[in-house]
């Protein structure tokens, strides 16, 4: 009988977190334990690492996701274990999971099989409380904003032009659009409002892009919460909220140290989604990891058209880091879905469908090459995969000038990724990479969005209603034109139509809304029908989660 992820995690032998810290040279007061198996790394200690040489950075991304799954996190963990097995001191650096997918449809985000980070239940649930701190900081600003209006509105905020929304770390479609402050004079002035999921909050983006506490407060202060009647921006600093928000985030800003099933170190910190936000773990965590290890494996969310593009064009640009290699994860199951096979039929051999689905793989490989970083394909192997199907993927990757390596990390842990690990090292040591972002800072905002649409999504161009075109113009003229763009778009297609699999081209990308993230220092372009507050599916995963008679959590993937 095949064991579940949670059963495998429970059978593992975790080392005390102090031993994991000792392996990285973190000892004494620099490690702040949260129980026996997780800890935060002191920010002062991280500052002391500045003189050390950086290790090598490996990005793990994937083809366009399908319900069949790709296993990016599993591959990230497996690759880190594989690199450690071949003698390379390696850290895996990941995002924290959101409660929304855990109780919704996707399940946990701690890897799977024998390539997991542990303690799995803690990581997938409340962990060290970072998300709660981010939500509290976001909602403190919302409370201070409405209180300011109620107490006389000295800043002259126009209640019709409030842009700051509240957040909750849960899929709750009923909160997308609300009216707040009902119930009489004592409750303030009624106005339209709404909630986003916490991972879409600008506070989350700022948290993950800030370089230290001082930079965190500066960015928080720059958040634009709304406008006056004269269309002048009002910021969190104007509301005197930035200091208290920073206090709420002070402890959360320290990265979290845990371990893999093979007792290798893992840092997990921050967690924006890549379909509605920038999809990368924190800059502080990545920079610290690069000082602590020879190799760092990190992950960007969803497909390479979203997570990897934002990793390159937002995170690398803002943090001054550059990847040394990219691993593109694919599964035969997902490729068959891109080739037109229904979910129920994925267990049958279908080489023709794999070949057809490899159009999606080829598009991602071509896109990644535009950034000047060497790429290898990791085929995340399933038991039903056949030799003929695997050969089709290897051949398709070869036609694009890339190697495809079959990996069995779900079943075999780090031993199943040794070939991949050796090839990653070879690519990096060859020194052929020359990272470059997709567009320059000085390119106008409209052109940046169109560049991503054309060069990454294969679109013919972008469209926008008059109000959104005016918003582009206003942001450009207001001094935000040098910001990168963060595309909010369905993760399931290169287009904005989730049903279009494979590698569609020639479509238009409709830009429905522009949101300024002045603190995060990017502009969000919301495309198609993308929502920043997801809803639960017809049968939420939460229905199957419970505590058994022994007090153990069941039903968490």
Protein backbone atom coordinates (compact mmCIF):
# COMPACT_ATOMS: atom_id res chain seq x y z
CA UNK A 1 0.00 0.00 0.00
CA UNK A 2 1.36 3.43 -0.96
CA UNK A 3 1.86 5.65 2.07
CA UNK A 4 0.47 9.17 2.13
CA UNK A 5 2.68 12.22 2.46
CA UNK A 6 1.60 12.77 6.04
CA UNK A 7 2.30 9.11 6.96
CA UNK A 8 5.79 9.36 5.47
CA UNK A 9 6.42 12.61 7.33
CA UNK A 10 5.30 11.09 10.65
CA UNK A 11 7.66 8.14 10.26
CA UNK A 12 10.68 10.40 9.74
CA UNK A 13 13.28 11.03 12.41
CA UNK A 14 13.74 14.74 12.82
CA UNK A 15 16.88 16.12 14.40
CA UNK A 16 16.68 18.86 17.03
CA UNK A 17 16.65 22.18 15.21
CA UNK A 18 19.81 23.23 17.10
CA UNK A 19 21.72 20.46 15.25
CA UNK A 20 20.49 21.76 11.90
CA UNK A 21 21.59 25.25 12.93
CA UNK A 22 25.00 23.97 14.04
CA UNK A 23 25.53 22.44 10.61
CA UNK A 24 25.10 25.92 9.10
CA UNK A 25 27.28 27.53 11.74
CA UNK A 26 24.29 29.12 13.49
CA UNK A 27 24.57 28.64 17.21
CA UNK A 28 23.85 30.24 20.54
CA UNK A 29 21.43 33.13 20.63
CA UNK A 30 21.34 33.41 16.83
CA UNK A 31 18.77 30.60 16.66
CA UNK A 32 15.39 31.36 18.22
CA UNK A 33 13.57 28.01 18.73
CA UNK A 34 9.84 27.59 18.15
CA UNK A 35 9.66 24.16 19.78
CA UNK A 36 12.13 21.37 19.02
CA UNK A 37 11.97 21.21 15.22
CA UNK A 38 11.66 24.80 13.95
CA UNK A 39 13.33 28.08 14.73
CA UNK A 40 13.83 31.62 13.52
CA UNK A 41 17.26 32.98 12.57
CA UNK A 42 18.11 36.23 14.33
CA UNK A 43 18.19 39.24 11.98
CA UNK A 44 21.30 40.59 13.70
CA UNK A 45 23.12 37.36 12.93
CA UNK A 46 22.00 37.57 9.30
CA UNK A 47 23.43 41.09 9.10
CA UNK A 48 26.77 39.74 10.34
CA UNK A 49 26.99 37.44 7.28
CA UNK A 50 27.32 40.33 4.80
CA UNK A 51 31.04 39.81 4.21
CA UNK A 52 30.70 36.19 3.14
CA UNK A 53 30.79 35.09 -0.49
CA UNK A 54 27.48 34.09 -2.04
CA UNK A 55 26.73 30.51 -3.03
CA UNK A 56 25.12 29.46 -6.30
CA UNK A 57 21.40 30.07 -6.84
CA UNK A 58 19.17 27.51 -8.60
CA UNK A 59 15.58 28.38 -9.49
CA UNK A 60 12.98 25.61 -9.76
CA UNK A 61 9.95 26.42 -11.90
CA UNK A 62 7.49 24.38 -13.98
CA UNK A 63 5.38 23.99 -17.07
CA UNK A 64 1.82 25.35 -17.01
CA UNK A 65 0.05 23.57 -14.12
CA UNK A 66 -2.89 21.21 -14.52
CA UNK A 67 -5.01 19.28 -12.00
CA UNK A 68 -2.60 16.39 -12.60
CA UNK A 69 0.13 18.29 -10.74
CA UNK A 70 3.79 18.96 -11.47
CA UNK A 71 5.56 18.74 -8.09
CA UNK A 72 7.68 21.89 -8.01
CA UNK A 73 8.13 21.93 -4.25
CA UNK A 74 8.75 18.19 -4.19
CA UNK A 75 11.41 18.61 -6.87
CA UNK A 76 12.99 21.57 -5.05
CA UNK A 77 13.34 19.51 -1.87
CA UNK A 78 14.49 16.43 -3.78
CA UNK A 79 17.11 18.42 -5.69
CA UNK A 80 18.45 19.98 -2.48
CA UNK A 81 18.74 16.52 -0.94
CA UNK A 82 20.40 15.26 -4.14
CA UNK A 83 22.95 18.07 -4.13
CA UNK A 84 23.77 17.33 -0.49
CA UNK A 85 24.20 13.65 -1.38
CA UNK A 86 26.86 14.51 -3.99
CA UNK A 87 28.77 16.63 -1.47
CA UNK A 88 27.44 20.13 -2.14
CA UNK A 89 26.41 21.97 1.03
CA UNK A 90 22.91 22.99 -0.01
CA UNK A 91 19.93 24.85 1.44
CA UNK A 92 16.41 24.71 0.04
CA UNK A 93 14.65 28.07 0.37
CA UNK A 94 10.85 27.97 -0.02
CA UNK A 95 7.65 29.94 0.56
CA UNK A 96 5.27 29.34 3.44
CA UNK A 97 1.93 27.73 2.53
CA UNK A 98 -1.34 29.66 2.73
CA UNK A 99 -4.30 28.22 4.61
CA UNK A 100 -6.48 28.99 1.58
CA UNK A 101 -5.22 26.14 -0.64
CA UNK A 102 -4.72 23.81 2.35
CA UNK A 103 -8.45 23.88 3.05
CA UNK A 104 -9.47 24.51 -0.55
CA UNK A 105 -8.32 22.38 -3.45
CA UNK A 106 -4.53 22.25 -3.73
CA UNK A 107 -3.62 20.86 -0.33
CA UNK A 108 -0.34 21.44 1.48
CA UNK A 109 2.89 22.85 0.12
CA UNK A 110 5.64 21.04 1.98
CA UNK A 111 6.64 18.69 -0.83
CA UNK A 112 5.57 15.07 -1.08
CA UNK A 113 6.60 11.46 -0.71
CA UNK A 114 10.21 11.16 0.40
CA UNK A 115 11.04 14.73 -0.70
CA UNK A 116 9.39 16.81 2.00
CA UNK A 117 10.19 19.50 4.51
CA UNK A 118 9.12 18.81 8.10
CA UNK A 119 7.34 19.26 10.49
CA UNK A 120 4.77 18.97 7.69
CA UNK A 121 1.62 19.71 9.73
CA UNK A 122 3.13 22.80 11.38
CA UNK A 123 4.44 24.21 8.09
CA UNK A 124 1.07 23.76 6.37
CA UNK A 125 -0.96 25.25 9.22
CA UNK A 126 0.05 28.12 11.53
CA UNK A 127 3.84 27.49 11.44
CA UNK A 128 5.53 30.37 13.33
CA UNK A 129 2.65 32.82 12.90
CA UNK A 130 4.17 34.90 10.09
CA UNK A 131 0.98 35.03 8.02
CA UNK A 132 -1.07 36.09 11.02
CA UNK A 133 1.36 38.97 11.64
CA UNK A 134 1.12 40.03 7.99
CA UNK A 135 -2.68 39.96 8.11
CA UNK A 136 -2.71 41.90 11.38
CA UNK A 137 -0.41 44.60 9.97
CA UNK A 138 -2.54 44.91 6.84
CA UNK A 139 -5.77 45.18 8.82
CA UNK A 140 -4.31 47.60 11.34
CA UNK A 141 -3.73 49.99 8.47
CA UNK A 142 -7.33 49.46 7.30
CA UNK A 143 -8.64 50.15 10.81
CA UNK A 144 -6.53 53.30 11.17
CA UNK A 145 -7.70 54.51 7.77
CA UNK A 146 -11.41 54.18 8.61
CA UNK A 147 -10.82 55.61 12.07
CA UNK A 148 -9.10 58.64 10.52
CA UNK A 149 -12.15 59.29 8.35
CA UNK A 150 -14.49 58.81 11.33
CA UNK A 151 -12.46 61.15 13.56
CA UNK A 152 -12.69 64.14 11.23
CA UNK A 153 -10.64 63.16 8.15
CA UNK A 154 -7.93 65.79 8.53
CA UNK A 155 -6.16 64.39 5.45
CA UNK A 156 -9.26 64.86 3.31
CA UNK A 157 -9.48 61.23 2.12
CA UNK A 158 -12.16 60.72 -0.49
CA UNK A 159 -14.16 57.68 0.68
CA UNK A 160 -14.93 56.90 -2.98
CA UNK A 161 -11.23 56.52 -3.78
CA UNK A 162 -10.00 54.25 -0.99
CA UNK A 163 -7.74 51.58 -2.52
CA UNK A 164 -6.60 49.75 0.64
CA UNK A 165 -8.42 46.46 1.24
CA UNK A 166 -8.60 44.16 4.22
CA UNK A 167 -7.24 40.59 4.09
CA UNK A 168 -7.82 37.14 5.55
CA UNK A 169 -5.76 33.99 4.90
CA UNK A 170 -8.70 31.93 3.70
CA UNK A 171 -10.59 31.39 0.44
CA UNK A 172 -13.82 33.33 1.08
CA UNK A 173 -15.55 34.63 -2.04
CA UNK A 174 -18.31 36.30 0.03
CA UNK A 175 -15.77 38.91 1.18
CA UNK A 176 -14.59 39.99 -2.28
CA UNK A 177 -16.90 43.00 -2.31
CA UNK A 178 -18.56 44.31 0.85
CA UNK A 179 -19.97 47.47 2.40
CA UNK A 180 -18.36 48.35 5.73
CA UNK A 181 -19.18 50.73 8.61
CA UNK A 182 -22.89 49.99 8.62
CA UNK A 183 -24.99 50.30 11.77
CA UNK A 184 -25.14 53.98 12.56
CA UNK A 185 -23.08 57.10 13.15
CA UNK A 186 -20.86 55.54 15.79
CA UNK A 187 -19.53 52.95 13.34
CA UNK A 188 -18.09 55.42 10.86
CA UNK A 189 -19.01 56.35 7.30
CA UNK A 190 -20.39 53.49 5.18
CA UNK A 191 -18.39 52.77 2.03
CA UNK A 192 -17.64 50.00 -0.44
CA UNK A 193 -14.72 47.80 0.56
CA UNK A 194 -13.44 44.27 0.04
CA UNK A 195 -11.04 41.57 1.17
CA UNK A 196 -8.09 39.95 -0.57
CA UNK A 197 -6.44 36.72 0.54
CA UNK A 198 -3.41 37.51 2.73
CA UNK A 199 -0.93 36.24 0.14
CA UNK A 200 -2.17 38.94 -2.28
CA UNK A 201 -1.66 41.75 0.24
CA UNK A 202 0.87 44.44 -0.55
CA UNK A 203 2.13 43.90 3.00
CA UNK A 204 3.06 40.34 2.00
CA UNK A 205 4.87 41.65 -1.09
CA UNK A 206 6.71 44.25 0.99
CA UNK A 207 7.56 41.64 3.62
CA UNK A 208 9.15 39.46 0.94
CA UNK A 209 11.06 42.27 -0.81
CA UNK A 210 12.35 44.23 2.21
CA UNK A 211 16.06 43.97 2.91
CA UNK A 212 15.89 44.74 6.66
CA UNK A 213 13.64 46.32 9.31
CA UNK A 214 14.48 49.87 8.22
CA UNK A 215 13.65 49.08 4.60
CA UNK A 216 10.47 47.34 5.77
CA UNK A 217 9.22 50.46 7.55
CA UNK A 218 10.18 52.69 4.62
CA UNK A 219 8.21 50.53 2.22
CA UNK A 220 5.23 50.23 4.56
CA UNK A 221 5.15 54.00 4.88
CA UNK A 222 5.03 54.36 1.09
CA UNK A 223 1.82 52.32 0.75
CA UNK A 224 -0.83 54.44 -0.99
CA UNK A 225 -4.17 53.81 0.74
CA UNK A 226 -6.32 56.20 -1.27
CA UNK A 227 -6.69 59.70 -2.67
CA UNK A 228 -8.10 63.04 -1.67
CA UNK A 229 -10.81 64.75 -3.72
CA UNK A 230 -7.98 66.58 -5.48
CA UNK A 231 -6.56 63.16 -6.48
CA UNK A 232 -3.53 63.56 -4.21
CA UNK A 233 -2.22 60.26 -2.80
CA UNK A 234 -2.51 59.49 0.91
CA UNK A 235 0.01 57.03 2.38
CA UNK A 236 0.35 54.82 5.43
CA UNK A 237 3.02 57.24 6.61
CA UNK A 238 0.49 60.09 6.42
CA UNK A 239 -1.77 58.02 8.69
CA UNK A 240 1.19 57.40 11.04
CA UNK A 241 0.60 53.66 10.73
CA UNK A 242 4.00 52.52 9.43
CA UNK A 243 5.70 52.30 12.85
CA UNK A 244 3.03 50.12 14.45
CA UNK A 245 2.84 47.92 11.34
CA UNK A 246 6.59 47.37 11.53
CA UNK A 247 6.30 46.42 15.20
CA UNK A 248 3.73 43.76 14.31
CA UNK A 249 6.10 42.34 11.68
CA UNK A 250 9.34 42.61 13.67
CA UNK A 251 9.55 38.96 14.77
CA UNK A 252 7.97 37.59 11.61
CA UNK A 253 10.71 39.15 9.44
CA UNK A 254 13.27 36.66 10.80
CA UNK A 255 13.46 33.61 8.45
CA UNK A 256 12.31 30.16 9.61
CA UNK A 257 14.69 27.20 9.74
CA UNK A 258 13.41 23.62 9.42
CA UNK A 259 14.73 20.44 7.76
CA UNK A 260 14.04 17.95 4.99
CA UNK A 261 13.22 14.29 5.61
CA UNK A 262 16.93 13.63 5.02
CA UNK A 263 17.79 16.15 7.76
CA UNK A 264 19.16 18.75 5.38
CA UNK A 265 18.54 22.42 6.24
CA UNK A 266 15.57 24.29 4.78
CA UNK A 267 14.54 27.93 5.16
CA UNK A 268 10.86 28.74 4.65
CA UNK A 269 9.74 32.36 4.72
CA UNK A 270 7.02 34.49 3.14
CA UNK A 271 4.41 33.28 0.70
CA UNK A 272 2.87 35.42 -2.05
CA UNK A 273 0.97 33.52 -4.77
CA UNK A 274 2.42 33.80 -8.27
CA UNK A 275 -0.91 34.09 -10.09
CA UNK A 276 -2.01 37.22 -8.17
CA UNK A 277 1.28 38.39 -6.62
CA UNK A 278 5.00 37.94 -7.25
CA UNK A 279 5.28 34.35 -6.04
CA UNK A 280 8.71 34.23 -4.37
CA UNK A 281 9.97 33.64 -0.84
CA UNK A 282 11.57 36.57 1.02
CA UNK A 283 14.66 38.41 -0.14
CA UNK A 284 16.02 38.21 3.42
CA UNK A 285 15.72 34.40 3.40
CA UNK A 286 17.31 34.02 -0.03
CA UNK A 287 20.21 36.36 0.74
CA UNK A 288 20.85 34.63 4.08
CA UNK A 289 20.77 31.22 2.40
CA UNK A 290 23.31 32.33 -0.19
CA UNK A 291 25.67 33.29 2.65
CA UNK A 292 25.11 30.04 4.56
CA UNK A 293 25.43 27.43 1.80
CA UNK A 294 27.36 26.64 -1.37
CA UNK A 295 24.14 25.98 -3.31
CA UNK A 296 20.66 27.38 -2.74
CA UNK A 297 17.58 25.83 -4.37
CA UNK A 298 14.58 28.14 -4.46
CA UNK A 299 11.15 27.94 -6.05
CA UNK A 300 8.86 30.36 -7.88
CA UNK A 301 5.14 29.68 -7.90
CA UNK A 302 2.98 28.13 -10.64
CA UNK A 303 4.30 27.96 -14.23
CA UNK A 304 7.41 29.70 -15.53
CA UNK A 305 5.25 32.28 -17.34
CA UNK A 306 4.18 33.59 -13.92
CA UNK A 307 6.52 32.65 -11.07
CA UNK A 308 9.81 32.55 -12.97
CA UNK A 309 9.10 35.75 -14.93
CA UNK A 310 8.32 37.58 -11.66
CA UNK A 311 11.35 36.04 -9.94
CA UNK A 312 13.56 37.40 -12.72
CA UNK A 313 11.89 40.74 -13.39
CA UNK A 314 10.85 41.70 -9.84
CA UNK A 315 12.79 39.80 -7.18
CA UNK A 316 16.17 39.57 -8.90
CA UNK A 317 15.89 43.18 -10.08
CA UNK A 318 15.00 44.48 -6.61
CA UNK A 319 17.34 42.25 -4.60
CA UNK A 320 20.38 42.49 -6.85
CA UNK A 321 20.68 38.71 -7.18
CA UNK A 322 21.03 36.52 -10.26
CA UNK A 323 20.21 32.82 -10.73
CA UNK A 324 22.95 30.49 -11.94
CA UNK A 325 20.65 27.77 -13.32
CA UNK A 326 16.98 26.95 -13.82
CA UNK A 327 15.21 23.60 -13.39
CA UNK A 328 11.94 23.29 -15.33
CA UNK A 329 9.68 20.63 -13.80
CA UNK A 330 7.29 18.58 -15.94
CA UNK A 331 5.22 15.44 -15.51
CA UNK A 332 3.94 13.11 -18.19
CA UNK A 333 0.46 13.41 -16.67
CA UNK A 334 0.44 17.19 -17.08
CA UNK A 335 1.90 17.00 -20.58
CA UNK A 336 -0.82 14.54 -21.61
CA UNK A 337 -3.46 16.96 -20.35
CA UNK A 338 -1.86 19.72 -22.44
CA UNK A 339 -2.03 17.24 -25.31
CA UNK A 340 -5.79 16.87 -24.94
CA UNK A 341 -6.19 13.85 -22.64
CA UNK A 342 -8.92 13.96 -19.98
CA UNK A 343 -7.96 13.63 -16.31
CA UNK A 344 -9.63 10.22 -16.03
CA UNK A 345 -7.54 8.81 -18.89
CA UNK A 346 -4.07 9.88 -17.76
CA UNK A 347 -3.10 6.42 -16.55
CA UNK A 348 -3.03 5.00 -20.08
CA UNK A 349 0.04 5.26 -22.32
CA UNK A 350 -0.41 7.94 -24.96
CA UNK A 351 2.84 8.94 -26.63
CA UNK A 352 1.10 11.12 -29.20
CA UNK A 353 -0.56 13.18 -26.46
CA UNK A 354 2.79 13.59 -24.69
CA UNK A 355 4.34 14.86 -27.92
CA UNK A 356 1.45 17.27 -28.45
CA UNK A 357 1.66 18.47 -24.85
CA UNK A 358 5.39 19.11 -25.22
CA UNK A 359 4.43 22.29 -27.12
CA UNK A 360 3.86 23.75 -23.66
CA UNK A 361 7.26 22.52 -22.48
CA UNK A 362 8.93 23.97 -25.58
CA UNK A 363 7.30 27.38 -25.04
CA UNK A 364 8.55 27.53 -21.46
CA UNK A 365 12.07 26.50 -22.49
CA UNK A 366 12.15 29.19 -25.18
CA UNK A 367 10.86 31.76 -22.71
CA UNK A 368 13.43 30.89 -20.05
CA UNK A 369 16.29 31.17 -22.54
CA UNK A 370 15.36 34.84 -23.02
CA UNK A 371 16.69 35.48 -19.50
CA UNK A 372 20.14 34.10 -20.32
CA UNK A 373 20.23 31.34 -17.68
CA UNK A 374 20.98 27.65 -18.49
CA UNK A 375 17.94 25.36 -18.16
CA UNK A 376 17.44 21.64 -17.53
CA UNK A 377 14.12 19.76 -17.53
CA UNK A 378 13.33 17.59 -14.51
CA UNK A 379 10.72 14.94 -15.33
CA UNK A 380 8.96 14.19 -12.04
CA UNK A 381 8.34 10.47 -12.48
CA UNK A 382 5.09 8.64 -11.67
CA UNK A 383 4.72 4.86 -11.44
CA UNK A 384 2.47 4.72 -14.53
CA UNK A 385 4.98 6.51 -16.78
CA UNK A 386 6.25 4.40 -19.68
CA UNK A 387 9.63 4.35 -21.38
CA UNK A 388 8.15 5.46 -24.70
CA UNK A 389 6.46 8.47 -23.08
CA UNK A 390 9.61 9.45 -21.20
CA UNK A 391 11.65 9.19 -24.41
CA UNK A 392 9.21 11.58 -26.10
CA UNK A 393 9.92 14.22 -23.43
CA UNK A 394 13.68 13.72 -23.62
CA UNK A 395 13.52 14.13 -27.41
CA UNK A 396 11.29 17.23 -27.21
CA UNK A 397 13.64 18.90 -24.74
CA UNK A 398 16.61 18.00 -26.91
CA UNK A 399 14.98 19.73 -29.88
CA UNK A 400 15.01 22.89 -27.78
CA UNK A 401 18.68 22.46 -26.87
CA UNK A 402 17.97 21.30 -23.31
CA UNK A 403 18.48 18.04 -21.48
CA UNK A 404 15.58 16.25 -19.76
CA UNK A 405 16.42 14.06 -16.76
CA UNK A 406 13.96 11.60 -15.21
CA UNK A 407 13.78 11.99 -11.43
CA UNK A 408 12.30 9.63 -8.83
CA UNK A 409 12.57 11.80 -5.73
CA UNK A 410 8.96 11.21 -4.60
CA UNK A 411 9.79 7.52 -4.14
CA UNK A 412 13.54 7.69 -3.49
CA UNK A 413 14.27 11.11 -2.00
CA UNK A 414 17.65 12.64 -2.80
CA UNK A 415 18.87 9.41 -4.39
CA UNK A 416 16.29 9.95 -7.12
CA UNK A 417 17.75 13.33 -8.12
CA UNK A 418 21.48 12.65 -8.12
CA UNK A 419 21.69 12.73 -11.93
CA UNK A 420 19.81 16.03 -11.97
CA UNK A 421 22.02 17.44 -9.22
CA UNK A 422 25.21 16.53 -11.10
CA UNK A 423 23.91 18.13 -14.28
CA UNK A 424 22.94 21.32 -12.44
CA UNK A 425 26.46 21.55 -11.03
CA UNK A 426 27.94 20.96 -14.50
CA UNK A 427 25.80 23.73 -16.02
CA UNK A 428 26.81 26.18 -13.31
CA UNK A 429 30.50 25.29 -13.42
CA UNK A 430 30.47 25.75 -17.21
CA UNK A 431 29.79 29.43 -16.49
CA UNK A 432 27.74 30.00 -19.62
CA UNK A 433 24.90 31.90 -17.95
CA UNK A 434 24.51 35.66 -18.31
CA UNK A 435 21.28 36.67 -16.57
CA UNK A 436 19.27 39.58 -17.93
CA UNK A 437 15.72 40.75 -17.15
CA UNK A 438 13.08 40.85 -19.86
CA UNK A 439 12.74 44.64 -20.00
CA UNK A 440 14.64 47.73 -18.76
CA UNK A 441 13.44 49.95 -15.91
CA UNK A 442 12.93 52.92 -18.20
CA UNK A 443 10.43 51.15 -20.48
CA UNK A 444 6.91 52.65 -20.03
CA UNK A 445 4.41 50.63 -17.98
CA UNK A 446 2.14 49.87 -20.92
CA UNK A 447 5.08 48.57 -22.93
CA UNK A 448 6.26 46.42 -20.01
CA UNK A 449 2.89 44.71 -19.74
CA UNK A 450 2.76 44.25 -23.51
CA UNK A 451 6.32 42.89 -23.57
CA UNK A 452 5.42 40.19 -21.04
CA UNK A 453 2.21 39.38 -22.95
CA UNK A 454 3.95 39.09 -26.31
CA UNK A 455 7.30 37.54 -25.38
CA UNK A 456 6.15 35.24 -22.57
CA UNK A 457 2.46 34.51 -23.22
CA UNK A 458 2.69 34.41 -27.02
CA UNK A 459 -0.04 37.05 -27.25
CA UNK A 460 -0.60 39.46 -30.12
CA UNK A 461 -0.90 42.33 -27.66
CA UNK A 462 -2.88 43.72 -24.74
CA UNK A 463 -6.20 45.52 -24.50
CA UNK A 464 -7.65 47.74 -21.81
CA UNK A 465 -10.78 49.90 -21.37
CA UNK A 466 -10.40 53.69 -21.40
CA UNK A 467 -10.34 53.96 -17.59
CA UNK A 468 -7.46 51.49 -17.35
CA UNK A 469 -5.57 53.23 -20.17
CA UNK A 470 -5.93 56.46 -18.23
CA UNK A 471 -4.64 54.68 -15.13
CA UNK A 472 -1.54 53.58 -17.07
CA UNK A 473 -1.01 57.19 -18.12
CA UNK A 474 -1.56 58.59 -14.60
CA UNK A 475 0.86 56.15 -12.97
CA UNK A 476 3.46 56.82 -15.63
CA UNK A 477 3.16 60.60 -15.19
CA UNK A 478 3.14 60.31 -11.39
CA UNK A 479 6.67 58.87 -11.31
CA UNK A 480 5.94 55.14 -11.10
CA UNK A 481 6.91 54.30 -14.67
CA UNK A 482 10.25 52.79 -13.61
CA UNK A 483 8.49 50.10 -11.52
CA UNK A 484 8.36 46.52 -12.83
CA UNK A 485 4.95 45.00 -13.52
CA UNK A 486 3.35 42.09 -11.68
CA UNK A 487 0.91 40.22 -13.89
CA UNK A 488 -2.18 38.77 -12.16
CA UNK A 489 -3.43 36.09 -14.55
CA UNK A 490 -4.77 32.56 -14.54
CA UNK A 491 -2.04 30.02 -13.88
CA UNK A 492 -3.67 27.39 -16.09
CA UNK A 493 -2.90 28.85 -19.53
CA UNK A 494 -0.54 31.15 -21.40
CA UNK A 495 -3.72 33.04 -22.25
CA UNK A 496 -6.29 34.49 -19.85
CA UNK A 497 -8.67 31.61 -20.71
CA UNK A 498 -7.95 28.78 -18.26
CA UNK A 499 -9.38 26.19 -20.66
CA UNK A 500 -6.76 26.84 -23.38
CA UNK A 501 -4.03 24.27 -22.79
CA UNK A 502 -0.79 23.69 -24.66
CA UNK A 503 0.87 26.76 -26.17
CA UNK A 504 -1.82 29.12 -27.50
CA UNK A 505 -0.63 32.15 -29.44
CA UNK A 506 -2.05 35.21 -31.14
CA UNK A 507 -4.55 35.87 -28.34
CA UNK A 508 -5.09 39.25 -26.70
CA UNK A 509 -4.50 39.80 -22.98
CA UNK A 510 -7.22 42.03 -21.50
CA UNK A 511 -6.00 44.22 -18.62
CA UNK A 512 -9.00 44.76 -16.34
CA UNK A 513 -7.40 46.80 -13.57
CA UNK A 514 -4.10 48.37 -12.49
CA UNK A 515 -3.16 48.45 -8.82
CA UNK A 516 -0.26 50.52 -7.55
CA UNK A 517 1.92 48.80 -4.94
CA UNK A 518 4.05 51.81 -4.06
CA UNK A 519 5.61 50.10 -1.04
CA UNK A 520 6.43 46.89 -2.86
CA UNK A 521 7.57 49.08 -5.77
CA UNK A 522 5.70 47.37 -8.58
CA UNK A 523 2.43 47.80 -10.47
CA UNK A 524 -0.08 44.93 -10.55
CA UNK A 525 -1.88 44.36 -13.85
CA UNK A 526 -5.03 42.29 -13.24
CA UNK A 527 -5.86 40.42 -16.44
CA UNK A 528 -9.01 38.63 -17.55
CA UNK A 529 -11.27 37.40 -14.75
CA UNK A 530 -8.47 36.86 -12.20
CA UNK A 531 -9.62 37.33 -8.57
CA UNK A 532 -7.39 38.40 -5.66
CA UNK A 533 -9.71 36.55 -3.26
CA UNK A 534 -10.18 32.91 -4.33
CA UNK A 535 -13.26 30.86 -3.50
CA UNK A 536 -13.59 27.34 -2.12
CA UNK A 537 -14.41 24.50 -4.56
CA UNK A 538 -17.64 22.48 -4.48
CA UNK A 539 -15.93 19.91 -2.26
CA UNK A 540 -13.27 21.72 -0.17
CA UNK A 541 -10.31 19.76 1.17
CA UNK A 542 -11.41 21.00 4.62
CA UNK A 543 -14.29 18.49 4.55
CA UNK A 544 -11.79 15.63 4.86
CA UNK A 545 -9.51 17.13 7.52
CA UNK A 546 -9.99 16.02 11.12
CA UNK A 547 -8.22 14.81 14.28
CA UNK A 548 -8.28 11.05 14.88
CA UNK A 549 -8.71 9.21 18.20
CA UNK A 550 -4.96 9.43 18.82
CA UNK A 551 -4.95 13.21 18.46
CA UNK A 552 -3.28 13.16 15.02
CA UNK A 553 -4.29 15.32 12.08
CA UNK A 554 -5.78 13.36 9.19
CA UNK A 555 -6.72 14.49 5.68
CA UNK A 556 -3.98 17.09 5.32
CA UNK A 557 -2.24 16.07 2.07
